[in-house]
Amino acid sequence: MNRLHGVLPSLVIAQARPTNFNLPVTTMKRVLFVCIENSNRSQMAEAFAHIHGGDQVEALSAGSRPSGQINPKAIRFMSELGYDLTTHDSKSLDEIDGEFDAVITMGCGDNCPWVPARRREDWGLPDPKHMDDDGYRSVRDEISARVKALLGEL
């Protein structure tokens, strides 16, 4: 007699089924955040997409005319929330390829070239780089709320 026959039939049946049979299919979403310098708003938006979306989101950010550095204020105000923005780089849109589920521009107007996306939005958020601490935090928190809402809709 087969050792498993009659002893553990449910295991035999379970092993014959595909492992993902009744699991929901989830597809990683690709989101791109664009501003002019890629040093403040788009960097924080990318960070919040990582925070709120986890491993279900591939988040990138880029600039139409990148500054080449992350604004120290962005680093400081994201560190208040436990996020290390020093691991990010200021990138050009020329370094970005592929299609996205959403492309979000932030005040770059005509300086933001077209990138293939299923959804496009422009968030008319002010550039916080010259704002006082309270103003900067306000823009940061607005970005967080908008990213969370966006990810919930994708």
Protein backbone atom coordinates (compact mmCIF):
# COMPACT_ATOMS: atom_id res chain seq x y z
CA MET A 1 0.00 0.00 0.00
CA ASN A 2 1.22 3.48 -0.90
CA ARG A 3 2.38 5.12 2.32
CA LEU A 4 0.39 8.28 1.57
CA HIS A 5 -2.71 6.49 0.31
CA GLY A 6 -5.40 6.64 2.96
CA VAL A 7 -3.14 8.30 5.48
CA LEU A 8 -2.73 11.86 4.15
CA PRO A 9 -4.98 12.12 1.09
CA SER A 10 -5.56 15.84 1.58
CA LEU A 11 -1.83 16.47 1.21
CA VAL A 12 -1.72 14.48 -2.00
CA ILE A 13 -4.64 16.47 -3.39
CA ALA A 14 -3.19 19.78 -2.19
CA GLN A 15 0.13 19.00 -3.81
CA ALA A 16 -1.58 18.31 -7.13
CA ARG A 17 -3.20 21.78 -7.21
CA PRO A 18 -1.41 24.85 -8.51
CA THR A 19 -0.07 26.81 -5.55
CA ASN A 20 -1.76 30.04 -6.69
CA PHE A 21 -5.13 28.48 -7.53
CA ASN A 22 -7.39 30.68 -5.39
CA LEU A 23 -5.05 33.59 -4.69
CA PRO A 24 -5.85 37.01 -6.11
CA VAL A 25 -3.61 38.10 -8.95
CA THR A 26 -1.81 41.33 -8.15
CA THR A 27 0.24 43.25 -10.63
CA MET A 28 2.95 45.61 -9.53
CA LYS A 29 2.03 49.19 -10.45
CA ARG A 30 4.59 51.53 -12.01
CA VAL A 31 4.33 55.17 -11.02
CA LEU A 32 6.51 58.09 -12.09
CA PHE A 33 6.64 61.46 -10.32
CA VAL A 34 8.11 64.37 -12.29
CA CYS A 35 9.08 67.92 -11.36
CA ILE A 36 11.71 70.26 -12.75
CA GLU A 37 14.71 69.67 -10.47
CA ASN A 38 13.83 66.23 -9.02
CA SER A 39 15.07 67.45 -5.67
CA ASN A 40 11.93 68.11 -3.57
CA ARG A 41 8.34 67.28 -4.52
CA SER A 42 8.93 64.36 -6.87
CA GLN A 43 11.49 62.86 -4.49
CA MET A 44 9.06 63.00 -1.58
CA ALA A 45 6.28 61.57 -3.76
CA GLU A 46 8.52 58.64 -4.76
CA ALA A 47 9.32 58.07 -1.08
CA PHE A 48 5.65 58.11 -0.11
CA ALA A 49 4.84 55.64 -2.90
CA HIS A 50 7.44 53.30 -1.37
CA ILE A 51 6.00 53.90 2.11
CA HIS A 52 2.32 53.53 1.18
CA GLY A 53 2.67 51.01 -1.66
CA GLY A 54 5.40 48.72 -0.39
CA ASP A 55 6.40 45.98 -2.77
CA GLN A 56 3.21 46.44 -4.83
CA VAL A 57 4.56 49.64 -6.42
CA GLU A 58 7.58 50.43 -8.52
CA ALA A 59 7.98 54.14 -7.87
CA LEU A 60 10.38 56.39 -9.71
CA SER A 61 10.98 60.10 -9.88
CA ALA A 62 12.77 62.31 -12.38
CA GLY A 63 13.21 65.91 -13.41
CA SER A 64 12.99 67.80 -16.68
CA ARG A 65 16.11 69.74 -15.58
CA PRO A 66 17.44 67.79 -12.59
CA SER A 67 19.56 69.64 -10.04
CA GLY A 68 21.76 66.60 -9.40
CA GLN A 69 21.09 66.64 -5.68
CA ILE A 70 18.31 66.10 -3.18
CA ASN A 71 17.35 69.24 -1.28
CA PRO A 72 18.64 69.02 2.33
CA LYS A 73 15.22 70.20 3.53
CA ALA A 74 13.55 67.25 1.79
CA ILE A 75 16.03 64.91 3.45
CA ARG A 76 15.40 66.50 6.86
CA PHE A 77 11.61 66.55 6.64
CA MET A 78 11.35 62.99 5.32
CA SER A 79 13.69 61.81 8.09
CA GLU A 80 11.12 63.18 10.57
CA LEU A 81 8.87 60.41 9.26
CA GLY A 82 11.59 57.77 9.40
CA TYR A 83 12.41 57.75 5.67
CA ASP A 84 16.03 58.08 4.49
CA LEU A 85 15.97 60.20 1.35
CA THR A 86 19.78 60.16 1.13
CA THR A 87 19.44 56.82 -0.69
CA HIS A 88 17.76 58.61 -3.63
CA ASP A 89 19.42 60.28 -6.62
CA SER A 90 18.27 63.28 -8.63
CA LYS A 91 17.61 61.85 -12.11
CA SER A 92 16.77 63.13 -15.56
CA LEU A 93 13.72 62.03 -17.50
CA ASP A 94 16.24 60.82 -20.10
CA GLU A 95 17.15 58.03 -17.66
CA ILE A 96 13.56 56.78 -17.43
CA ASP A 97 12.02 54.30 -19.85
CA GLY A 98 9.01 52.08 -20.22
CA GLU A 99 5.32 52.63 -19.63
CA PHE A 100 3.67 53.59 -16.39
CA ASP A 101 0.32 53.07 -14.75
CA ALA A 102 0.46 56.71 -13.68
CA VAL A 103 2.66 59.70 -14.40
CA ILE A 104 2.26 62.60 -12.01
CA THR A 105 3.77 65.97 -12.87
CA MET A 106 4.26 68.67 -10.29
CA GLY A 107 4.44 72.16 -11.63
CA CYS A 108 6.81 71.63 -14.52
CA GLY A 109 4.26 72.61 -17.17
CA ASP A 110 5.68 72.55 -20.70
CA ASN A 111 9.04 71.41 -19.33
CA CYS A 112 7.62 67.94 -18.68
CA PRO A 113 7.78 65.86 -21.86
CA TRP A 114 5.28 63.15 -22.63
CA VAL A 115 5.88 59.75 -21.00
CA PRO A 116 3.66 56.75 -21.87
CA ALA A 117 1.09 56.20 -19.11
CA ARG A 118 -2.40 54.87 -18.55
CA ARG A 119 -3.14 57.81 -16.26
CA ARG A 120 -1.69 61.33 -16.21
CA GLU A 121 -2.21 64.03 -13.61
CA ASP A 122 -0.66 67.36 -12.82
CA TRP A 123 -0.55 68.18 -9.14
CA GLY A 124 -0.27 71.95 -8.93
CA LEU A 125 1.75 71.89 -5.74
CA PRO A 126 4.03 74.81 -4.91
CA ASP A 127 7.76 74.16 -4.83
CA PRO A 128 8.59 74.15 -1.11
CA LYS A 129 12.34 74.75 -1.45
CA HIS A 130 12.14 78.36 -0.18
CA MET A 131 9.33 77.83 2.32
CA ASP A 132 9.67 77.95 6.08
CA ASP A 133 9.52 74.70 8.04
CA ASP A 134 5.74 74.72 8.53
CA GLY A 135 5.13 75.44 4.84
CA TYR A 136 7.50 72.67 3.80
CA ARG A 137 5.83 70.17 6.13
CA SER A 138 2.44 71.20 4.76
CA VAL A 139 3.51 70.45 1.17
CA ARG A 140 5.12 67.19 2.31
CA ASP A 141 1.94 66.07 4.06
CA GLU A 142 -0.21 67.05 1.05
CA ILE A 143 2.02 64.93 -1.18
CA SER A 144 1.65 61.99 1.22
CA ALA A 145 -2.15 62.24 1.16
CA ARG A 146 -2.27 62.52 -2.65
CA VAL A 147 0.09 59.57 -3.17
CA LYS A 148 -1.96 57.43 -0.79
CA ALA A 149 -5.17 58.33 -2.64
CA LEU A 150 -3.55 57.69 -6.04
CA LEU A 151 -2.31 54.25 -5.03
CA GLY A 152 -5.76 53.39 -3.71
CA GLU A 153 -7.24 54.19 -7.12
CA LEU A 154 -4.75 52.26 -9.27
